[in-house]
C-alpha atoms as a PDB file:
ATOM      1  CA  MET A   1      46.462  28.490  30.715  1.00  0.00           C
ATOM      2  CA  ASN A   2      45.596  29.900  33.815  1.00  0.00           C
ATOM      3  CA  VAL A   3      42.184  30.920  32.684  1.00  0.00           C
ATOM      4  CA  ASN A   4      41.433  27.325  31.825  1.00  0.00           C
ATOM      5  CA  LYS A   5      43.047  25.997  35.210  1.00  0.00           C
ATOM      6  CA  THR A   6      40.696  28.447  37.294  1.00  0.00           C
ATOM      7  CA  GLU A   7      37.663  27.160  35.577  1.00  0.00           C
ATOM      8  CA  THR A   8      38.526  23.694  35.846  1.00  0.00           C
ATOM      9  CA  SER A   9      39.211  24.204  39.490  1.00  0.00           C
ATOM     10  CA  ILE A  10      35.613  25.804  40.371  1.00  0.00           C
ATOM     11  CA  ALA A  11      33.961  23.009  38.270  1.00  0.00           C
ATOM     12  CA  VAL A  12      35.480  20.598  40.543  1.00  0.00           C
ATOM     13  CA  LEU A  13      34.628  22.493  43.571  1.00  0.00           C
ATOM     14  CA  SER A  14      31.227  22.897  42.539  1.00  0.00           C
ATOM     15  CA  GLY A  15      30.737  19.419  41.800  1.00  0.00           C
ATOM     16  CA  LYS A  16      30.039  19.844  38.001  1.00  0.00           C
ATOM     17  CA  PRO A  17      32.216  18.674  35.225  1.00  0.00           C
ATOM     18  CA  PRO A  18      33.982  21.053  32.954  1.00  0.00           C
ATOM     19  CA  LYS A  19      32.212  22.082  29.960  1.00  0.00           C
ATOM     20  CA  LYS A  20      34.070  20.919  27.073  1.00  0.00           C
ATOM     21  CA  LYS A  21      33.852  23.418  23.913  1.00  0.00           C
ATOM     22  CA  LYS A  22      32.872  21.684  20.625  1.00  0.00           C
ATOM     23  CA  SER A  23      35.866  22.048  18.033  1.00  0.00           C
ATOM     24  CA  THR A  24      35.030  23.945  14.725  1.00  0.00           C
ATOM     25  CA  LEU A  25      35.558  20.436  12.792  1.00  0.00           C
ATOM     26  CA  LYS A  26      32.795  18.825  15.190  1.00  0.00           C
ATOM     27  CA  ARG A  27      30.313  21.899  14.321  1.00  0.00           C
ATOM     28  CA  LYS A  28      31.055  21.584  10.718  1.00  0.00           C
ATOM     29  CA  GLU A  29      30.554  17.762  10.865  1.00  0.00           C
ATOM     30  CA  ASN A  30      27.211  18.263  12.374  1.00  0.00           C
ATOM     31  CA  LEU A  31      26.098  21.076   9.894  1.00  0.00           C
ATOM     32  CA  ILE A  32      26.989  18.602   6.900  1.00  0.00           C
ATOM     33  CA  ALA A  33      25.154  15.502   8.670  1.00  0.00           C
ATOM     34  CA  LEU A  34      22.306  18.042   9.095  1.00  0.00           C
ATOM     35  CA  ALA A  35      22.308  19.165   5.416  1.00  0.00           C
ATOM     36  CA  PHE A  36      22.302  15.648   4.304  1.00  0.00           C
ATOM     37  CA  ILE A  37      19.262  14.758   6.462  1.00  0.00           C
ATOM     38  CA  SER A  38      17.429  17.854   5.615  1.00  0.00           C
ATOM     39  CA  ILE A  39      16.946  16.783   1.985  1.00  0.00           C
ATOM     40  CA  LYS A  40      14.857  13.819   3.062  1.00  0.00           C
ATOM     41  CA  TYR A  41      12.768  16.037   5.574  1.00  0.00           C
ATOM     42  CA  LEU A  42      12.200  18.761   2.848  1.00  0.00           C
ATOM     43  CA  GLY A  43      11.011  16.433   0.258  1.00  0.00           C
ATOM     44  CA  LEU A  44       8.653  14.826   3.116  1.00  0.00           C
ATOM     45  CA  ILE A  45       7.322  18.322   3.780  1.00  0.00           C
ATOM     46  CA  VAL A  46       6.850  19.612   0.128  1.00  0.00           C
ATOM     47  CA  PHE A  47       5.719  16.391  -1.176  1.00  0.00           C
ATOM     48  CA  THR A  48       3.843  14.811   1.613  1.00  0.00           C
ATOM     49  CA  VAL A  49       3.065  17.222   4.553  1.00  0.00           C
ATOM     50  CA  LEU A  50       2.098  20.236   2.643  1.00  0.00           C
ATOM     51  CA  PRO A  51      -0.392  18.378  -0.095  1.00  0.00           C
ATOM     52  CA  PHE A  52      -1.877  16.887   2.700  1.00  0.00           C
ATOM     53  CA  ILE A  53      -2.516  20.020   4.507  1.00  0.00           C
ATOM     54  CA  PHE A  54      -3.748  21.798   1.253  1.00  0.00           C
ATOM     55  CA  ALA A  55      -6.027  18.674   0.726  1.00  0.00           C
ATOM     56  CA  ILE A  56      -7.795  18.991   3.962  1.00  0.00           C
ATOM     57  CA  LEU A  57      -8.174  22.863   3.298  1.00  0.00           C
ATOM     58  CA  TYR A  58      -9.679  21.994  -0.192  1.00  0.00           C
ATOM     59  CA  SER A  59     -12.216  19.645   1.147  1.00  0.00           C
ATOM     60  CA  PHE A  60     -13.978  22.286   3.316  1.00  0.00           C
ATOM     61  CA  THR A  61     -14.063  24.602   0.078  1.00  0.00           C
ATOM     62  CA  ASP A  62     -16.383  24.628  -3.416  1.00  0.00           C
ATOM     63  CA  TYR A  63     -13.297  25.636  -5.295  1.00  0.00           C
ATOM     64  CA  ASN A  64     -13.054  25.150  -9.117  1.00  0.00           C
ATOM     65  CA  ALA A  65      -9.925  25.884 -10.815  1.00  0.00           C
ATOM     66  CA  ARG A  66     -11.496  26.267 -14.161  1.00  0.00           C
ATOM     67  CA  ILE A  67     -13.755  29.193 -13.142  1.00  0.00           C
ATOM     68  CA  GLU A  68     -11.611  30.936 -10.283  1.00  0.00           C
ATOM     69  CA  THR A  69      -9.107  33.260 -11.661  1.00  0.00           C
ATOM     70  CA  GLU A  70      -7.585  33.991  -8.149  1.00  0.00           C
ATOM     71  CA  SER A  71      -5.303  31.711  -6.321  1.00  0.00           C
ATOM     72  CA  PHE A  72      -6.962  29.387  -3.859  1.00  0.00           C
ATOM     73  CA  LEU A  73      -5.499  30.850  -0.557  1.00  0.00           C
ATOM     74  CA  SER A  74      -6.781  34.613  -1.358  1.00  0.00           C
ATOM     75  CA  ILE A  75     -10.350  33.269  -1.770  1.00  0.00           C
ATOM     76  CA  MET A  76     -10.613  30.342   0.360  1.00  0.00           C
ATOM     77  CA  GLY A  77     -12.651  32.258   2.863  1.00  0.00           C
ATOM     78  CA  GLU A  78     -15.379  33.285   0.139  1.00  0.00           C
ATOM     79  CA  LYS A  79     -15.369  29.330  -1.230  1.00  0.00           C
ATOM     80  CA  TRP A  80     -15.573  28.007   2.334  1.00  0.00           C
ATOM     81  CA  CYS A  81     -18.602  25.392   2.536  1.00  0.00           C
ATOM     82  CA  GLY A  82     -17.541  23.520   5.587  1.00  0.00           C
ATOM     83  CA  PHE A  83     -18.705  19.661   5.483  1.00  0.00           C
ATOM     84  CA  GLY A  84     -20.574  20.447   2.366  1.00  0.00           C
ATOM     85  CA  ASN A  85     -18.311  18.441   0.182  1.00  0.00           C
ATOM     86  CA  TYR A  86     -18.598  15.372   2.798  1.00  0.00           C
ATOM     87  CA  VAL A  87     -22.433  15.584   2.899  1.00  0.00           C
ATOM     88  CA  LYS A  88     -22.373  15.374  -1.035  1.00  0.00           C
ATOM     89  CA  LEU A  89     -20.429  12.120  -0.876  1.00  0.00           C
ATOM     90  CA  PHE A  90     -22.575  10.243   1.775  1.00  0.00           C
ATOM     91  CA  GLY A  91     -26.043  12.364   1.441  1.00  0.00           C
ATOM     92  CA  LYS A  92     -28.313  12.593  -1.376  1.00  0.00           C
ATOM     93  CA  SER A  93     -26.346  14.231  -4.530  1.00  0.00           C
ATOM     94  CA  VAL A  94     -25.163  13.507  -7.820  1.00  0.00           C
ATOM     95  CA  TYR A  95     -21.532  12.130  -6.367  1.00  0.00           C
ATOM     96  CA  ASN A  96     -23.307   9.978  -3.600  1.00  0.00           C
ATOM     97  CA  GLU A  97     -24.009   6.778  -6.042  1.00  0.00           C
ATOM     98  CA  ALA A  98     -20.644   6.906  -7.615  1.00  0.00           C
ATOM     99  CA  PHE A  99     -18.892   7.201  -4.545  1.00  0.00           C
ATOM    100  CA  ILE A 100     -20.516   4.692  -2.627  1.00  0.00           C
ATOM    101  CA  ASN A 101     -20.340   2.094  -5.793  1.00  0.00           C
ATOM    102  CA  ALA A 102     -16.408   2.761  -5.826  1.00  0.00           C
ATOM    103  CA  VAL A 103     -16.382   2.241  -2.003  1.00  0.00           C
ATOM    104  CA  LEU A 104     -18.122  -1.265  -2.528  1.00  0.00           C
ATOM    105  CA  ASN A 105     -15.944  -2.000  -5.648  1.00  0.00           C
ATOM    106  CA  ASN A 106     -13.016  -1.172  -3.522  1.00  0.00           C
ATOM    107  CA  LEU A 107     -14.051  -3.745  -0.804  1.00  0.00           C
ATOM    108  CA  ILE A 108     -14.844  -6.548  -3.068  1.00  0.00           C
ATOM    109  CA  PHE A 109     -11.286  -6.269  -4.930  1.00  0.00           C
ATOM    110  CA  MET A 110      -9.703  -6.659  -1.599  1.00  0.00           C
ATOM    111  CA  LEU A 111     -10.566 -10.439  -1.630  1.00  0.00           C
ATOM    112  CA  SER A 112      -7.423 -10.511  -4.299  1.00  0.00           C
ATOM    113  CA  VAL A 113      -5.078  -9.763  -1.252  1.00  0.00           C
ATOM    114  CA  PRO A 114      -5.602 -13.102   0.805  1.00  0.00           C
ATOM    115  CA  LEU A 115      -6.077 -14.997  -2.491  1.00  0.00           C
ATOM    116  CA  GLY A 116      -2.527 -13.707  -3.785  1.00  0.00           C
ATOM    117  CA  ILE A 117      -0.858 -14.228  -0.399  1.00  0.00           C
ATOM    118  CA  ILE A 118      -2.483 -18.091  -0.045  1.00  0.00           C
ATOM    119  CA  ILE A 119      -0.960 -19.055  -3.695  1.00  0.00           C
ATOM    120  CA  GLY A 120       2.124 -17.155  -3.072  1.00  0.00           C
ATOM    121  CA  LEU A 121       2.672 -19.120  -0.008  1.00  0.00           C
ATOM    122  CA  VAL A 122       2.167 -22.512  -1.603  1.00  0.00           C
ATOM    123  CA  VAL A 123       4.472 -21.545  -4.431  1.00  0.00           C
ATOM    124  CA  ALA A 124       6.927 -20.699  -1.811  1.00  0.00           C
ATOM    125  CA  ILE A 125       6.538 -23.748  -0.201  1.00  0.00           C
ATOM    126  CA  MET A 126       7.041 -26.038  -3.083  1.00  0.00           C
ATOM    127  CA  LEU A 127      10.111 -23.989  -4.226  1.00  0.00           C
ATOM    128  CA  SER A 128      11.865 -24.448  -1.020  1.00  0.00           C
ATOM    129  CA  ARG A 129      12.230 -27.770  -1.511  1.00  0.00           C
ATOM    130  CA  GLU A 130      14.925 -28.487  -4.338  1.00  0.00           C
ATOM    131  CA  ASN A 131      14.057 -32.423  -4.516  1.00  0.00           C
ATOM    132  CA  LEU A 132      10.289 -31.440  -5.365  1.00  0.00           C
ATOM    133  CA  ILE A 133      10.894 -29.009  -8.163  1.00  0.00           C
ATOM    134  CA  ARG A 134      13.793 -28.923 -10.764  1.00  0.00           C
ATOM    135  CA  GLY A 135      14.724 -25.521 -11.689  1.00  0.00           C
ATOM    136  CA  SER A 136      13.360 -23.693  -9.100  1.00  0.00           C
ATOM    137  CA  ARG A 137      15.393 -20.435  -9.680  1.00  0.00           C
ATOM    138  CA  VAL A 138      14.104 -20.076 -12.977  1.00  0.00           C
ATOM    139  CA  ILE A 139      10.669 -20.528 -11.809  1.00  0.00           C
ATOM    140  CA  ARG A 140      11.205 -18.279  -8.966  1.00  0.00           C
ATOM    141  CA  MET A 141      12.310 -15.365 -11.804  1.00  0.00           C
ATOM    142  CA  LEU A 142       9.497 -16.126 -13.915  1.00  0.00           C
ATOM    143  CA  ILE A 143       6.636 -15.567 -11.159  1.00  0.00           C
ATOM    144  CA  TYR A 144       8.426 -12.499  -9.897  1.00  0.00           C
ATOM    145  CA  ILE A 145       8.709 -10.930 -13.443  1.00  0.00           C
ATOM    146  CA  PRO A 146       5.077  -9.223 -13.331  1.00  0.00           C
ATOM    147  CA  VAL A 147       5.984  -7.651 -10.051  1.00  0.00           C
ATOM    148  CA  VAL A 148       8.679  -5.555 -11.950  1.00  0.00           C
ATOM    149  CA  SER A 149       6.786  -4.832 -14.864  1.00  0.00           C
ATOM    150  CA  SER A 150       4.728  -2.231 -16.088  1.00  0.00           C
ATOM    151  CA  ALA A 151       1.317  -1.825 -14.465  1.00  0.00           C
ATOM    152  CA  VAL A 152      -0.093  -0.257 -17.574  1.00  0.00           C
ATOM    153  CA  ALA A 153       1.462  -3.122 -19.841  1.00  0.00           C
ATOM    154  CA  MET A 154       0.173  -5.823 -17.753  1.00  0.00           C
ATOM    155  CA  ASN A 155      -3.378  -4.725 -17.847  1.00  0.00           C
ATOM    156  CA  ILE A 156      -3.375  -3.980 -21.610  1.00  0.00           C
ATOM    157  CA  ILE A 157      -2.412  -7.662 -21.581  1.00  0.00           C
ATOM    158  CA  TRP A 158      -4.971  -8.758 -19.353  1.00  0.00           C
ATOM    159  CA  ARG A 159      -7.437  -6.874 -21.313  1.00  0.00           C
ATOM    160  CA  TYR A 160      -6.700  -8.952 -24.386  1.00  0.00           C
ATOM    161  CA  ILE A 161      -6.776 -12.289 -22.317  1.00  0.00           C
ATOM    162  CA  PHE A 162     -10.222 -11.200 -21.055  1.00  0.00           C
ATOM    163  CA  ASP A 163     -11.567  -9.716 -24.031  1.00  0.00           C
ATOM    164  CA  ASN A 164     -14.991 -10.904 -24.681  1.00  0.00           C
ATOM    165  CA  GLN A 165     -15.068 -11.913 -28.038  1.00  0.00           C
ATOM    166  CA  TYR A 166     -11.204 -12.714 -28.915  1.00  0.00           C
ATOM    167  CA  GLY A 167      -9.933 -13.259 -25.298  1.00  0.00           C
ATOM    168  CA  ILE A 168      -8.082 -16.486 -24.610  1.00  0.00           C
ATOM    169  CA  ILE A 169     -10.038 -17.540 -21.718  1.00  0.00           C
ATOM    170  CA  ASN A 170     -13.495 -17.443 -23.808  1.00  0.00           C
ATOM    171  CA  GLN A 171     -11.647 -18.833 -27.076  1.00  0.00           C
ATOM    172  CA  VAL A 172     -10.032 -21.844 -25.115  1.00  0.00           C
ATOM    173  CA  THR A 173     -12.946 -22.621 -23.052  1.00  0.00           C
ATOM    174  CA  GLY A 174     -15.605 -22.124 -25.336  1.00  0.00           C
ATOM    175  CA  TRP A 175     -17.331 -19.821 -22.820  1.00  0.00           C
ATOM    176  CA  ASN A 176     -19.475 -16.736 -23.550  1.00  0.00           C
ATOM    177  CA  ILE A 177     -18.572 -14.576 -20.512  1.00  0.00           C
ATOM    178  CA  GLN A 178     -18.627 -10.623 -20.788  1.00  0.00           C
ATOM    179  CA  TRP A 179     -15.552 -10.410 -18.598  1.00  0.00           C
ATOM    180  CA  LEU A 180     -15.216  -6.558 -19.837  1.00  0.00           C
ATOM    181  CA  THR A 181     -18.760  -5.025 -19.918  1.00  0.00           C
ATOM    182  CA  ASP A 182     -20.571  -7.156 -17.016  1.00  0.00           C
ATOM    183  CA  SER A 183     -20.681  -5.696 -13.855  1.00  0.00           C
ATOM    184  CA  HIS A 184     -20.066  -8.624 -11.847  1.00  0.00           C
ATOM    185  CA  TRP A 185     -18.015 -10.676 -13.954  1.00  0.00           C
ATOM    186  CA  ILE A 186     -15.546  -7.581 -14.549  1.00  0.00           C
ATOM    187  CA  LYS A 187     -15.034  -7.796 -10.869  1.00  0.00           C
ATOM    188  CA  VAL A 188     -14.016 -11.520 -10.972  1.00  0.00           C
ATOM    189  CA  ALA A 189     -11.481 -10.693 -13.703  1.00  0.00           C
ATOM    190  CA  ILE A 190     -10.008  -7.821 -11.870  1.00  0.00           C
ATOM    191  CA  ILE A 191      -9.732  -9.973  -8.469  1.00  0.00           C
ATOM    192  CA  ILE A 192      -8.062 -12.889 -10.807  1.00  0.00           C
ATOM    193  CA  LYS A 193      -5.875 -10.320 -12.386  1.00  0.00           C
ATOM    194  CA  SER A 194      -4.871  -8.713  -8.917  1.00  0.00           C
ATOM    195  CA  ALA A 195      -4.099 -11.927  -7.192  1.00  0.00           C
ATOM    196  CA  TRP A 196      -1.759 -13.258 -10.030  1.00  0.00           C
ATOM    197  CA  GLY A 197      -0.124  -9.844  -9.950  1.00  0.00           C
ATOM    198  CA  SER A 198       0.578 -10.339  -6.136  1.00  0.00           C
ATOM    199  CA  ILE A 199       1.804 -13.942  -6.307  1.00  0.00           C
ATOM    200  CA  GLY A 200       5.393 -13.162  -6.931  1.00  0.00           C
ATOM    201  CA  ARG A 201       5.733 -10.650  -4.427  1.00  0.00           C
ATOM    202  CA  SER A 202       4.039 -12.827  -1.757  1.00  0.00           C
ATOM    203  CA  MET A 203       6.019 -15.858  -2.940  1.00  0.00           C
ATOM    204  CA  ILE A 204       9.568 -14.025  -2.700  1.00  0.00           C
ATOM    205  CA  LEU A 205       8.976 -12.800   0.958  1.00  0.00           C
ATOM    206  CA  CYS A 206       7.349 -16.086   2.016  1.00  0.00           C
ATOM    207  CA  LEU A 207      10.339 -17.944   0.394  1.00  0.00           C
ATOM    208  CA  ALA A 208      12.909 -15.541   2.459  1.00  0.00           C
ATOM    209  CA  ALA A 209      10.749 -16.162   5.636  1.00  0.00           C
ATOM    210  CA  LEU A 210      10.555 -19.908   5.219  1.00  0.00           C
ATOM    211  CA  THR A 211      14.796 -20.222   4.763  1.00  0.00           C
ATOM    212  CA  ASN A 212      15.120 -18.350   7.867  1.00  0.00           C
ATOM    213  CA  VAL A 213      13.203 -20.766  10.047  1.00  0.00           C
ATOM    214  CA  GLY A 214      15.536 -22.852  12.214  1.00  0.00           C
ATOM    215  CA  ARG A 215      15.804 -26.578  11.076  1.00  0.00           C
ATOM    216  CA  ASP A 216      16.024 -27.217  15.129  1.00  0.00           C
ATOM    217  CA  TYR A 217      12.291 -26.490  15.224  1.00  0.00           C
ATOM    218  CA  TYR A 218      11.411 -29.034  12.610  1.00  0.00           C
ATOM    219  CA  GLU A 219      13.787 -31.744  13.987  1.00  0.00           C
ATOM    220  CA  ALA A 220      12.204 -31.202  17.569  1.00  0.00           C
ATOM    221  CA  ALA A 221       8.874 -31.592  16.261  1.00  0.00           C
ATOM    222  CA  GLU A 222       9.810 -34.938  14.218  1.00  0.00           C
ATOM    223  CA  ILE A 223      11.171 -36.404  17.491  1.00  0.00           C
ATOM    224  CA  ASP A 224       7.772 -35.547  18.835  1.00  0.00           C
ATOM    225  CA  GLY A 225       6.080 -37.445  16.015  1.00  0.00           C
ATOM    226  CA  ALA A 226       4.855 -34.549  14.094  1.00  0.00           C
ATOM    227  CA  GLY A 227       3.751 -34.844  10.582  1.00  0.00           C
ATOM    228  CA  GLU A 228       4.295 -32.459   7.613  1.00  0.00           C
ATOM    229  CA  VAL A 229       1.021 -30.817   8.033  1.00  0.00           C
ATOM    230  CA  THR A 230       1.645 -30.357  11.940  1.00  0.00           C
ATOM    231  CA  LYS A 231       4.992 -28.936  11.142  1.00  0.00           C
ATOM    232  CA  PHE A 232       3.794 -26.384   8.724  1.00  0.00           C
ATOM    233  CA  PHE A 233       0.587 -24.967  10.796  1.00  0.00           C
ATOM    234  CA  LYS A 234       2.377 -25.454  14.128  1.00  0.00           C
ATOM    235  CA  ILE A 235       5.927 -24.174  13.263  1.00  0.00           C
ATOM    236  CA  ALA A 236       6.000 -22.516   9.784  1.00  0.00           C
ATOM    237  CA  ILE A 237       2.864 -20.341   9.668  1.00  0.00           C
ATOM    238  CA  PRO A 238       3.588 -18.827  13.423  1.00  0.00           C
ATOM    239  CA  LEU A 239       7.357 -18.191  12.550  1.00  0.00           C
ATOM    240  CA  ILE A 240       6.413 -16.497   9.308  1.00  0.00           C
ATOM    241  CA  SER A 241       3.433 -14.755  10.437  1.00  0.00           C
ATOM    242  CA  PRO A 242       5.406 -11.308  10.524  1.00  0.00           C
ATOM    243  CA  THR A 243       5.845 -11.411   6.977  1.00  0.00           C
ATOM    244  CA  LEU A 244       2.350 -12.392   6.367  1.00  0.00           C
ATOM    245  CA  PHE A 245       1.139  -9.537   8.536  1.00  0.00           C
ATOM    246  CA  TYR A 246       3.350  -7.206   6.338  1.00  0.00           C
ATOM    247  CA  LEU A 247       1.992  -8.655   3.246  1.00  0.00           C
ATOM    248  CA  PHE A 248      -1.617  -8.213   4.418  1.00  0.00           C
ATOM    249  CA  CYS A 249      -0.702  -4.432   5.502  1.00  0.00           C
ATOM    250  CA  THR A 250       0.610  -3.504   2.343  1.00  0.00           C
ATOM    251  CA  GLY A 251      -1.535  -5.649   0.336  1.00  0.00           C
ATOM    252  CA  PHE A 252      -4.791  -3.630   1.686  1.00  0.00           C
ATOM    253  CA  ILE A 253      -3.167  -0.197   1.538  1.00  0.00           C
ATOM    254  CA  GLY A 254      -2.195  -1.009  -2.071  1.00  0.00           C
ATOM    255  CA  ASN A 255      -5.784  -2.220  -3.124  1.00  0.00           C
ATOM    256  CA  LEU A 256      -7.507   0.631  -1.841  1.00  0.00           C
ATOM    257  CA  GLN A 257      -5.335   2.951  -3.855  1.00  0.00           C
ATOM    258  CA  ALA A 258      -5.610   0.899  -7.023  1.00  0.00           C
ATOM    259  CA  TYR A 259      -6.354   3.123 -10.186  1.00  0.00           C
ATOM    260  CA  VAL A 260      -4.996   1.502 -13.258  1.00  0.00           C
ATOM    261  CA  ASP A 261      -7.297  -1.557 -12.906  1.00  0.00           C
ATOM    262  CA  SER A 262     -10.179   0.991 -13.469  1.00  0.00           C
ATOM    263  CA  GLN A 263      -8.833   3.323 -16.059  1.00  0.00           C
ATOM    264  CA  VAL A 264      -6.606   0.756 -18.351  1.00  0.00           C
ATOM    265  CA  PHE A 265      -8.110  -2.411 -17.740  1.00  0.00           C
ATOM    266  CA  ALA A 266     -11.834  -1.680 -17.155  1.00  0.00           C
ATOM    267  CA  ASN A 267     -11.743   1.616 -19.511  1.00  0.00           C
ATOM    268  CA  GLY A 268     -13.872   3.369 -16.667  1.00  0.00           C
ATOM    269  CA  HIS A 269     -16.624   0.877 -16.349  1.00  0.00           C
ATOM    270  CA  PRO A 270     -19.014   1.487 -13.435  1.00  0.00           C
ATOM    271  CA  GLY A 271     -18.291  -2.497 -12.131  1.00  0.00           C
ATOM    272  CA  ALA A 272     -14.615  -1.260 -11.727  1.00  0.00           C
ATOM    273  CA  GLN A 273     -14.426   2.260 -10.701  1.00  0.00           C
ATOM    274  CA  THR A 274     -12.437   2.596  -7.224  1.00  0.00           C
ATOM    275  CA  ILE A 275     -12.321   5.592  -4.969  1.00  0.00           C
ATOM    276  CA  VAL A 276      -8.752   6.766  -6.521  1.00  0.00           C
ATOM    277  CA  TYR A 277     -10.869   6.532  -9.795  1.00  0.00           C
ATOM    278  CA  PHE A 278     -13.562   8.578  -8.611  1.00  0.00           C
ATOM    279  CA  VAL A 279     -11.069  11.316  -7.267  1.00  0.00           C
ATOM    280  CA  TRP A 280      -9.808  11.505 -10.746  1.00  0.00           C
ATOM    281  CA  ASN A 281     -12.968  11.237 -12.663  1.00  0.00           C
ATOM    282  CA  TYR A 282     -15.307  13.277 -10.549  1.00  0.00           C
ATOM    283  CA  GLY A 283     -12.870  15.879  -9.013  1.00  0.00           C
ATOM    284  CA  ILE A 284      -9.573  16.515 -10.655  1.00  0.00           C
ATOM    285  CA  SER A 285     -10.592  16.037 -14.286  1.00  0.00           C
ATOM    286  CA  ARG A 286     -13.320  18.568 -14.016  1.00  0.00           C
ATOM    287  CA  SER A 287     -11.242  20.688 -11.615  1.00  0.00           C
ATOM    288  CA  ARG A 288     -13.843  19.933  -8.641  1.00  0.00           C
ATOM    289  CA  TYR A 289     -10.647  20.162  -6.096  1.00  0.00           C
ATOM    290  CA  GLY A 290     -13.038  20.500  -3.328  1.00  0.00           C
ATOM    291  CA  ILE A 291     -15.007  16.853  -3.752  1.00  0.00           C
ATOM    292  CA  ALA A 292     -11.822  15.290  -4.834  1.00  0.00           C
ATOM    293  CA  SER A 293      -9.906  16.262  -1.708  1.00  0.00           C
ATOM    294  CA  ALA A 294     -13.072  15.172   0.341  1.00  0.00           C
ATOM    295  CA  ALA A 295     -12.912  11.578  -1.017  1.00  0.00           C
ATOM    296  CA  SER A 296      -9.110  11.607  -0.567  1.00  0.00           C
ATOM    297  CA  VAL A 297      -9.457  12.381   2.888  1.00  0.00           C
ATOM    298  CA  VAL A 298     -12.048   9.747   3.586  1.00  0.00           C
ATOM    299  CA  LEU A 299      -9.817   7.272   1.782  1.00  0.00           C
ATOM    300  CA  THR A 300      -6.951   8.230   3.898  1.00  0.00           C
ATOM    301  CA  ILE A 301      -8.858   7.673   7.002  1.00  0.00           C
ATOM    302  CA  SER A 302     -10.203   4.704   6.009  1.00  0.00           C
ATOM    303  CA  ILE A 303      -6.430   3.314   5.176  1.00  0.00           C
ATOM    304  CA  MET A 304      -5.507   4.408   8.857  1.00  0.00           C
ATOM    305  CA  ILE A 305      -8.368   2.693  10.403  1.00  0.00           C
ATOM    306  CA  ILE A 306      -7.853  -0.505   8.426  1.00  0.00           C
ATOM    307  CA  THR A 307      -4.249  -0.545   9.369  1.00  0.00           C
ATOM    308  CA  LEU A 308      -4.899   0.438  12.911  1.00  0.00           C
ATOM    309  CA  LEU A 309      -7.433  -2.659  13.029  1.00  0.00           C
ATOM    310  CA  GLN A 310      -4.904  -5.004  11.476  1.00  0.00           C
ATOM    311  CA  PHE A 311      -2.077  -3.999  14.082  1.00  0.00           C
ATOM    312  CA  LYS A 312      -4.611  -4.666  17.066  1.00  0.00           C
ATOM    313  CA  ILE A 313      -5.754  -8.155  15.437  1.00  0.00           C
ATOM    314  CA  SER A 314      -2.257  -8.978  14.748  1.00  0.00           C
ATOM    315  CA  GLU A 315      -1.540  -9.263  18.528  1.00  0.00           C
ATOM    316  CA  LYS A 316      -3.610 -12.364  18.692  1.00  0.00           C
ATOM    317  CA  TRP A 317      -2.049 -14.139  15.463  1.00  0.00           C
ATOM    318  CA  VAL A 318       1.439 -12.725  14.851  1.00  0.00           C
ATOM    319  CA  TYR A 319       4.300 -14.403  16.576  1.00  0.00           C
ATOM    320  CA  SER A 320       7.091 -11.973  18.269  1.00  0.00           C
ATOM    321  CA  GLU A 321      10.219 -13.240  20.059  1.00  0.00           C
END
């Protein structure tokens, strides 16, 4: 007791508050909390950080897992080729044409993102008015089903719908469009399919955003003589712009990472090959980890640049309080 009083007196005279020793219980609580948090960060390190580091290292080597008998790290110096794999992607090589074709296909498929968002927003507006459509909850559920359905199953169904000979579209309309074999029409088919698949997600988020728009804004606009169109573009769109921005960002990211469309729906057709399909077909499946990692790094950087540009542009149209 005397020692504690002496320490307290010294602390008071020196102008510093006395140091409180952490109790054993407090330290135990901190360790338990750290243990729970570490699980998340351990998963992040093992499944995200380390693979990304190894992908960068692989991209600077000519490592082939089928040929090499030693581990990658032990012969990394011997297989080091610098920027050789990146030169193969953008220079004259057997990979250049396929990679550029995949990049162009990805850019074209991105048209499905705004198309799906616009249709989803229109559907959300219609469903937000109970007096306009009856049974809106059932319709909402039916539209949202494709979002939670298997991507492989959905692509197989759409492949039957767009079948050149027995497809529902050609049978009903009497057209003779080669949806699955023509390089141009297969792009149109994928855009239609992807836009349809994203309507449910856009609808449910836009509907939630529209519901949160205060009635006071509309009442004030009505007093000023604003019509339905004016209220939509001047009140609703600005107030739900953060949701629209989120849909655009995540939509473009997901579209750039598409793979099932190329593999299952298009069955590897050159007119539908994406960057991720290129990574698998020309890299991983042939154990050319260097070229696969280089294409993956290019894709990652592209996604980062597009996302940063979207955040920069969002300052001009996304409303924030």
